[in-house]
N, C-alpha and C. Protein backbone atom coordinates (compact mmCIF):
# COMPACT_ATOMS: atom_id res chain seq x y z
N MET A 1 -29.25 15.22 -5.20
CA MET A 1 -28.75 14.52 -4.51
C MET A 1 -27.83 15.74 -3.74
N ASP A 2 -27.95 15.47 -2.36
CA ASP A 2 -26.99 16.10 -1.57
C ASP A 2 -25.68 16.43 -1.97
N SER A 3 -24.85 17.12 -1.85
CA SER A 3 -23.68 17.51 -1.63
C SER A 3 -22.86 16.47 -0.91
N GLU A 4 -23.46 16.04 0.11
CA GLU A 4 -22.76 15.08 0.61
C GLU A 4 -23.18 13.31 0.64
N PHE A 5 -22.28 12.38 0.96
CA PHE A 5 -22.51 11.08 0.74
C PHE A 5 -23.69 10.93 1.24
N CYS A 6 -25.07 9.96 0.97
CA CYS A 6 -25.92 9.65 1.60
C CYS A 6 -26.10 8.36 2.19
N CYS A 7 -24.29 7.76 2.01
CA CYS A 7 -23.78 6.67 2.64
C CYS A 7 -22.80 6.35 3.03
N ASN A 8 -22.77 5.42 4.08
CA ASN A 8 -21.20 5.54 4.48
C ASN A 8 -20.01 4.67 3.10
N CYS A 9 -18.83 5.15 2.80
CA CYS A 9 -18.01 5.02 1.49
C CYS A 9 -16.81 4.14 2.61
N TYR A 10 -16.43 2.97 1.26
CA TYR A 10 -14.76 2.44 1.82
C TYR A 10 -14.67 2.16 0.76
N SER A 11 -13.18 2.15 0.58
CA SER A 11 -12.56 1.46 -0.42
C SER A 11 -12.30 0.24 -0.79
N THR A 12 -12.71 -0.05 -2.38
CA THR A 12 -12.60 -1.41 -2.61
C THR A 12 -11.30 -2.55 -2.15
N ARG A 13 -10.24 -1.30 -2.78
CA ARG A 13 -8.62 -1.87 -2.65
C ARG A 13 -8.75 -1.98 -0.91
N LEU A 14 -9.45 -0.87 -0.17
CA LEU A 14 -8.84 -1.24 0.95
C LEU A 14 -9.40 -2.00 2.31
N ALA A 15 -10.98 -3.04 1.38
CA ALA A 15 -11.89 -3.53 1.50
C ALA A 15 -10.99 -5.57 1.23
N LYS A 16 -10.42 -5.21 0.26
CA LYS A 16 -9.30 -6.30 0.18
C LYS A 16 -7.80 -6.27 0.79
N GLU A 17 -7.26 -5.45 1.11
CA GLU A 17 -5.73 -5.05 1.20
C GLU A 17 -6.03 -5.65 3.37
N SER A 18 -7.29 -5.21 3.67
CA SER A 18 -7.29 -5.48 5.19
C SER A 18 -7.97 -7.05 5.36
N ASN A 19 -8.55 -7.38 5.02
CA ASN A 19 -9.06 -8.72 4.56
C ASN A 19 -10.73 -8.77 4.92
N LEU A 20 -11.52 -7.57 4.59
CA LEU A 20 -12.16 -7.76 5.22
C LEU A 20 -13.48 -8.25 4.59
N THR A 21 -14.22 -9.39 5.62
CA THR A 21 -15.30 -9.62 4.73
C THR A 21 -16.22 -9.07 4.60
N THR A 22 -16.73 -8.85 3.20
CA THR A 22 -17.94 -7.94 2.26
C THR A 22 -18.74 -8.76 2.29
N LYS A 23 -20.67 -8.47 2.40
CA LYS A 23 -21.57 -8.79 2.24
C LYS A 23 -22.07 -8.43 1.29
N PRO A 24 -23.26 -9.24 0.51
CA PRO A 24 -23.84 -8.70 -0.96
C PRO A 24 -24.96 -7.21 -0.19
N HIS A 25 -24.91 -6.18 -0.64
CA HIS A 25 -25.31 -4.92 -0.44
C HIS A 25 -26.79 -5.42 -0.93
N PRO A 26 -27.96 -5.34 0.25
CA PRO A 26 -29.35 -5.53 0.48
C PRO A 26 -29.95 -4.81 -1.02
N LYS A 27 -29.91 -4.00 -1.31
CA LYS A 27 -30.46 -2.79 -2.13
C LYS A 27 -29.34 -2.65 -3.01
N PRO A 28 -28.32 -3.24 -4.18
CA PRO A 28 -27.20 -2.66 -5.48
C PRO A 28 -28.09 -1.20 -5.99
N TYR A 29 -26.82 -0.55 -6.39
CA TYR A 29 -27.64 1.09 -6.63
C TYR A 29 -26.71 1.53 -7.79
N LYS A 30 -26.60 2.42 -8.24
CA LYS A 30 -25.77 3.11 -8.86
C LYS A 30 -25.12 4.65 -8.65
N LEU A 31 -23.98 4.96 -8.50
CA LEU A 31 -23.44 6.00 -8.29
C LEU A 31 -22.85 6.81 -9.89
N HIS A 32 -23.82 8.13 -10.04
CA HIS A 32 -23.45 8.30 -11.51
C HIS A 32 -22.37 9.37 -11.68
N TRP A 33 -21.74 9.94 -9.78
CA TRP A 33 -21.41 11.42 -10.12
C TRP A 33 -20.46 11.11 -9.27
N LEU A 34 -19.51 10.12 -9.38
CA LEU A 34 -18.50 9.50 -9.37
C LEU A 34 -16.85 10.17 -9.14
N ASN A 35 -17.47 9.54 -10.73
CA ASN A 35 -15.97 9.93 -12.02
C ASN A 35 -16.48 10.28 -13.13
N GLU A 36 -16.15 10.27 -14.37
CA GLU A 36 -16.21 10.89 -15.69
C GLU A 36 -15.83 9.57 -15.92
N ASP A 37 -15.57 8.32 -15.74
CA ASP A 37 -16.40 7.20 -16.49
C ASP A 37 -17.45 6.05 -16.16
N GLY A 38 -18.68 7.14 -16.50
CA GLY A 38 -19.78 6.42 -16.20
C GLY A 38 -20.05 6.16 -15.01
N ASP A 39 -21.25 5.39 -14.83
CA ASP A 39 -21.97 4.45 -13.52
C ASP A 39 -21.16 3.96 -12.80
N ILE A 40 -21.27 3.83 -11.60
CA ILE A 40 -20.10 2.10 -10.98
C ILE A 40 -21.87 1.75 -10.09
N THR A 41 -21.77 0.79 -10.53
CA THR A 41 -23.08 -0.19 -9.52
C THR A 41 -22.34 -0.76 -7.84
N ILE A 42 -22.59 -0.10 -7.27
CA ILE A 42 -22.78 -0.50 -5.58
C ILE A 42 -23.51 -1.98 -5.10
N LYS A 43 -22.15 -2.81 -5.26
CA LYS A 43 -23.17 -4.27 -5.34
C LYS A 43 -22.59 -4.68 -3.67
N ARG A 44 -21.69 -4.55 -3.17
CA ARG A 44 -21.21 -5.47 -1.91
C ARG A 44 -21.52 -3.98 -0.73
N GLN A 45 -21.36 -4.59 0.70
CA GLN A 45 -20.94 -4.04 1.77
C GLN A 45 -19.81 -4.45 2.71
N VAL A 46 -19.38 -3.58 3.62
CA VAL A 46 -18.43 -4.09 4.80
C VAL A 46 -18.30 -3.32 5.61
N LYS A 47 -18.17 -4.19 7.18
CA LYS A 47 -18.55 -3.85 8.41
C LYS A 47 -17.12 -3.21 8.85
N VAL A 48 -16.46 -2.18 8.98
CA VAL A 48 -15.01 -1.20 9.09
C VAL A 48 -15.38 -0.96 10.83
N GLU A 49 -14.39 -1.37 11.04
CA GLU A 49 -13.99 -0.86 12.66
C GLU A 49 -13.27 0.92 12.46
N PHE A 50 -13.48 1.58 12.98
CA PHE A 50 -12.45 2.71 13.29
C PHE A 50 -11.83 3.78 14.47
N SER A 51 -10.54 3.89 14.62
CA SER A 51 -10.58 4.43 15.61
C SER A 51 -9.96 6.15 15.58
N ILE A 52 -10.14 7.32 16.21
CA ILE A 52 -9.78 8.47 16.24
C ILE A 52 -9.49 8.68 17.43
N LYS A 53 -8.31 8.36 17.75
CA LYS A 53 -7.24 8.61 19.26
C LYS A 53 -7.95 7.62 20.16
N LYS A 54 -8.94 8.33 21.34
CA LYS A 54 -9.79 6.86 21.96
C LYS A 54 -11.49 7.04 21.63
N TYR A 55 -11.60 7.62 20.23
CA TYR A 55 -13.16 7.04 20.14
C TYR A 55 -12.78 5.73 18.99
N ILE A 56 -13.82 5.09 19.32
CA ILE A 56 -13.86 3.32 18.80
C ILE A 56 -15.11 3.63 18.43
N ASP A 57 -15.20 3.40 16.64
CA ASP A 57 -16.61 3.15 16.68
C ASP A 57 -16.65 1.73 15.14
N GLU A 58 -17.86 1.67 14.69
CA GLU A 58 -17.93 0.63 13.64
C GLU A 58 -18.76 0.84 13.17
N VAL A 59 -18.59 1.00 11.45
CA VAL A 59 -19.78 1.82 10.53
C VAL A 59 -19.78 0.44 9.54
N LEU A 60 -21.19 0.37 9.11
CA LEU A 60 -21.19 -0.14 7.93
C LEU A 60 -21.12 1.12 6.60
N CYS A 61 -20.63 -0.26 5.56
CA CYS A 61 -19.89 1.17 4.79
C CYS A 61 -20.48 -0.14 3.04
N ASP A 62 -20.79 1.39 2.31
CA ASP A 62 -21.01 0.39 0.84
C ASP A 62 -19.56 0.78 0.58
N ILE A 63 -18.94 -0.55 -0.24
CA ILE A 63 -17.61 -0.50 -1.25
C ILE A 63 -17.52 -0.27 -2.41
N ILE A 64 -17.30 1.00 -2.53
CA ILE A 64 -17.14 1.88 -4.10
C ILE A 64 -15.62 1.39 -4.68
N SER A 65 -15.58 1.92 -6.06
CA SER A 65 -14.33 1.66 -6.20
C SER A 65 -13.85 2.42 -6.35
N MET A 66 -12.92 3.13 -5.78
CA MET A 66 -11.90 4.56 -5.76
C MET A 66 -10.21 4.31 -5.24
N ASP A 67 -9.49 5.31 -5.15
CA ASP A 67 -8.29 4.95 -4.93
C ASP A 67 -8.39 6.04 -4.58
N ALA A 68 -8.44 5.88 -2.81
CA ALA A 68 -8.63 6.72 -1.51
C ALA A 68 -8.52 5.53 -0.62
N CYS A 69 -7.92 6.72 0.01
CA CYS A 69 -7.86 5.57 1.96
C CYS A 69 -8.72 6.28 2.75
N HIS A 70 -10.07 6.56 2.80
CA HIS A 70 -10.74 7.40 3.55
C HIS A 70 -11.81 6.44 3.82
N ILE A 71 -12.91 6.83 4.98
CA ILE A 71 -14.13 6.07 5.05
C ILE A 71 -15.04 7.72 5.07
N PHE A 72 -15.57 7.29 3.75
CA PHE A 72 -16.50 8.64 3.82
C PHE A 72 -17.98 8.51 4.94
N LEU A 73 -18.15 9.38 5.74
CA LEU A 73 -18.71 9.39 6.96
C LEU A 73 -20.26 9.77 6.08
N SER A 74 -21.44 9.47 6.61
CA SER A 74 -22.89 10.04 5.96
C SER A 74 -23.32 10.79 6.85
N ARG A 75 -24.27 11.22 6.39
CA ARG A 75 -25.42 12.16 7.47
C ARG A 75 -25.68 11.44 8.80
N PRO A 76 -26.68 10.44 8.16
CA PRO A 76 -27.12 9.27 9.01
C PRO A 76 -26.26 8.93 10.61
N TRP A 77 -24.58 9.07 9.52
CA TRP A 77 -23.78 8.15 10.81
C TRP A 77 -24.05 9.64 11.55
N LYS A 78 -23.79 10.91 11.03
CA LYS A 78 -23.18 12.17 12.28
C LYS A 78 -24.27 12.17 12.76
N PHE A 79 -25.75 12.16 12.14
CA PHE A 79 -26.69 12.16 13.08
C PHE A 79 -27.23 11.22 14.23
N ASP A 80 -27.32 10.43 13.83
CA ASP A 80 -27.09 9.00 14.83
C ASP A 80 -25.93 9.46 16.07
N ARG A 81 -24.53 9.96 15.82
CA ARG A 81 -24.08 10.20 16.52
C ARG A 81 -23.88 11.71 17.12
N LYS A 82 -24.50 12.57 17.29
CA LYS A 82 -24.94 14.02 17.47
C LYS A 82 -23.85 14.46 17.32
N THR A 83 -22.76 14.49 15.82
CA THR A 83 -22.05 15.30 15.56
C THR A 83 -22.72 16.59 15.53
N ILE A 84 -21.23 17.96 15.78
CA ILE A 84 -21.49 19.10 15.99
C ILE A 84 -20.79 19.39 14.78
N HIS A 85 -20.42 20.23 13.76
CA HIS A 85 -19.22 20.52 13.03
C HIS A 85 -19.54 22.07 13.16
N LYS A 86 -17.94 22.57 13.42
CA LYS A 86 -17.98 24.08 13.28
C LYS A 86 -16.77 23.71 12.51
N TYR A 87 -17.38 24.58 11.78
CA TYR A 87 -16.82 24.75 9.70
C TYR A 87 -16.13 26.02 10.19
N LEU A 88 -16.28 26.67 11.27
CA LEU A 88 -15.24 28.09 11.52
C LEU A 88 -13.55 27.52 11.72
N TYR A 89 -13.99 26.66 12.29
CA TYR A 89 -12.25 26.04 13.02
C TYR A 89 -12.06 24.24 12.36
N ASN A 90 -13.06 23.83 11.92
CA ASN A 90 -13.01 22.71 11.15
C ASN A 90 -12.22 21.72 11.82
N GLU A 91 -13.32 21.63 13.28
CA GLU A 91 -13.85 21.33 13.94
C GLU A 91 -15.08 19.93 14.34
N ILE A 92 -14.68 18.84 14.55
CA ILE A 92 -16.16 17.97 15.14
C ILE A 92 -16.27 17.61 16.72
N THR A 93 -17.34 18.02 17.01
CA THR A 93 -17.66 16.69 17.82
C THR A 93 -18.79 16.27 18.31
N ILE A 94 -18.34 14.82 18.90
CA ILE A 94 -19.02 13.57 19.05
C ILE A 94 -19.45 12.85 19.88
N LEU A 95 -20.49 13.58 20.40
CA LEU A 95 -21.46 12.65 21.55
C LEU A 95 -22.42 11.22 20.81
N TYR A 96 -20.92 10.44 21.94
CA TYR A 96 -21.58 9.24 21.45
C TYR A 96 -21.20 8.18 22.73
N GLU A 97 -22.64 7.44 23.27
CA GLU A 97 -22.49 6.97 24.53
C GLU A 97 -22.40 7.47 25.41
N GLU A 98 -22.52 8.77 25.52
CA GLU A 98 -22.65 8.85 26.94
C GLU A 98 -20.85 9.84 26.73
N ASN A 99 -20.14 9.99 26.47
CA ASN A 99 -18.83 10.25 25.66
C ASN A 99 -18.61 11.63 25.10
N LYS A 100 -18.03 12.18 25.08
CA LYS A 100 -17.90 13.26 24.06
C LYS A 100 -15.92 13.58 23.66
N PHE A 101 -16.52 13.22 22.41
CA PHE A 101 -15.06 13.37 21.61
C PHE A 101 -14.85 14.68 20.86
N VAL A 102 -14.37 15.99 20.84
CA VAL A 102 -13.44 16.41 20.18
C VAL A 102 -12.44 16.44 19.02
N LEU A 103 -12.76 16.45 17.49
CA LEU A 103 -12.17 15.87 16.63
C LEU A 103 -11.38 17.11 15.84
N HIS A 104 -10.23 17.72 16.06
CA HIS A 104 -9.44 18.38 15.69
C HIS A 104 -8.57 18.49 13.67
N PRO A 105 -8.88 19.37 13.18
CA PRO A 105 -8.02 18.85 11.87
C PRO A 105 -6.29 18.42 12.21
N LEU A 106 -5.71 17.82 11.87
CA LEU A 106 -4.31 17.71 11.53
C LEU A 106 -3.58 18.76 11.00
N SER A 107 -2.08 19.26 11.50
CA SER A 107 -1.80 20.08 11.25
C SER A 107 -0.47 20.02 9.59
N ALA A 108 -0.24 20.48 9.24
CA ALA A 108 0.71 20.00 7.57
C ALA A 108 1.10 19.26 7.96
N SER A 109 2.62 19.41 9.15
CA SER A 109 3.43 18.36 9.81
C SER A 109 3.22 17.23 10.17
N GLN A 110 1.73 17.31 10.61
CA GLN A 110 0.97 16.10 11.29
C GLN A 110 0.76 14.88 9.56
N MET A 111 -0.13 15.85 8.90
CA MET A 111 -0.21 15.07 7.53
C MET A 111 0.72 14.23 6.82
N VAL A 112 1.71 15.15 6.84
CA VAL A 112 3.15 14.55 5.59
C VAL A 112 3.38 13.23 6.78
N GLU A 113 3.33 13.74 8.27
CA GLU A 113 4.07 12.53 8.72
C GLU A 113 2.98 10.86 8.89
N ASN A 114 2.23 11.22 8.94
CA ASN A 114 0.46 10.25 8.38
C ASN A 114 0.76 9.58 7.60
N GLN A 115 1.28 10.33 6.02
CA GLN A 115 0.94 9.89 4.66
C GLN A 115 2.84 9.05 4.69
N VAL A 116 3.40 9.36 5.29
CA VAL A 116 4.85 9.17 5.56
C VAL A 116 4.54 7.33 6.16
N GLN A 117 4.33 7.43 7.29
CA GLN A 117 3.44 6.12 8.12
C GLN A 117 2.88 5.34 7.51
N MET A 118 2.04 5.55 6.74
CA MET A 118 0.81 5.01 5.88
C MET A 118 1.36 4.04 4.49
N LYS A 119 2.61 5.13 3.85
CA LYS A 119 3.25 4.42 2.94
C LYS A 119 4.59 3.46 3.33
N ILE A 120 5.14 3.41 4.66
CA ILE A 120 5.69 2.23 5.26
C ILE A 120 5.12 1.56 5.73
N ASN A 121 4.32 1.46 5.91
CA ASN A 121 3.54 0.44 6.42
C ASN A 121 2.60 -0.70 4.87
N ARG A 122 2.63 0.37 3.76
CA ARG A 122 2.13 -0.71 2.75
C ARG A 122 3.07 -0.81 2.51
N ASP A 123 4.15 -0.91 2.22
CA ASP A 123 5.24 -1.29 1.04
C ASP A 123 5.85 -2.25 2.14
N GLY A 124 5.78 -2.17 3.65
CA GLY A 124 6.09 -3.21 4.11
C GLY A 124 7.65 -2.85 4.78
């Protein structure tokens, strides 16, 4: 299997907390490599809208039981959006609907600020 996810993935916990409507996966499958506890069966999907600054998109994700606050975007999504990943600069360019978006990594202080804000939002 490729080192990148072959599907778009979203956290079970986040789907529940966000009250997102899930649907049965048309072709359930098992993941063998995600953790050391054994196979994980992927049975459900969810459509997730997300934004990064002015870039707004929607993606169909397989729901995975993981303790993460991320959307893992797959190679097909990257291909459909004509992304260009400049690994040296950790920069991703997205060409979508005739618009160009350049995503830059967060600085260390921005990541800390983001984590603090997520904790405040989560704890209420």
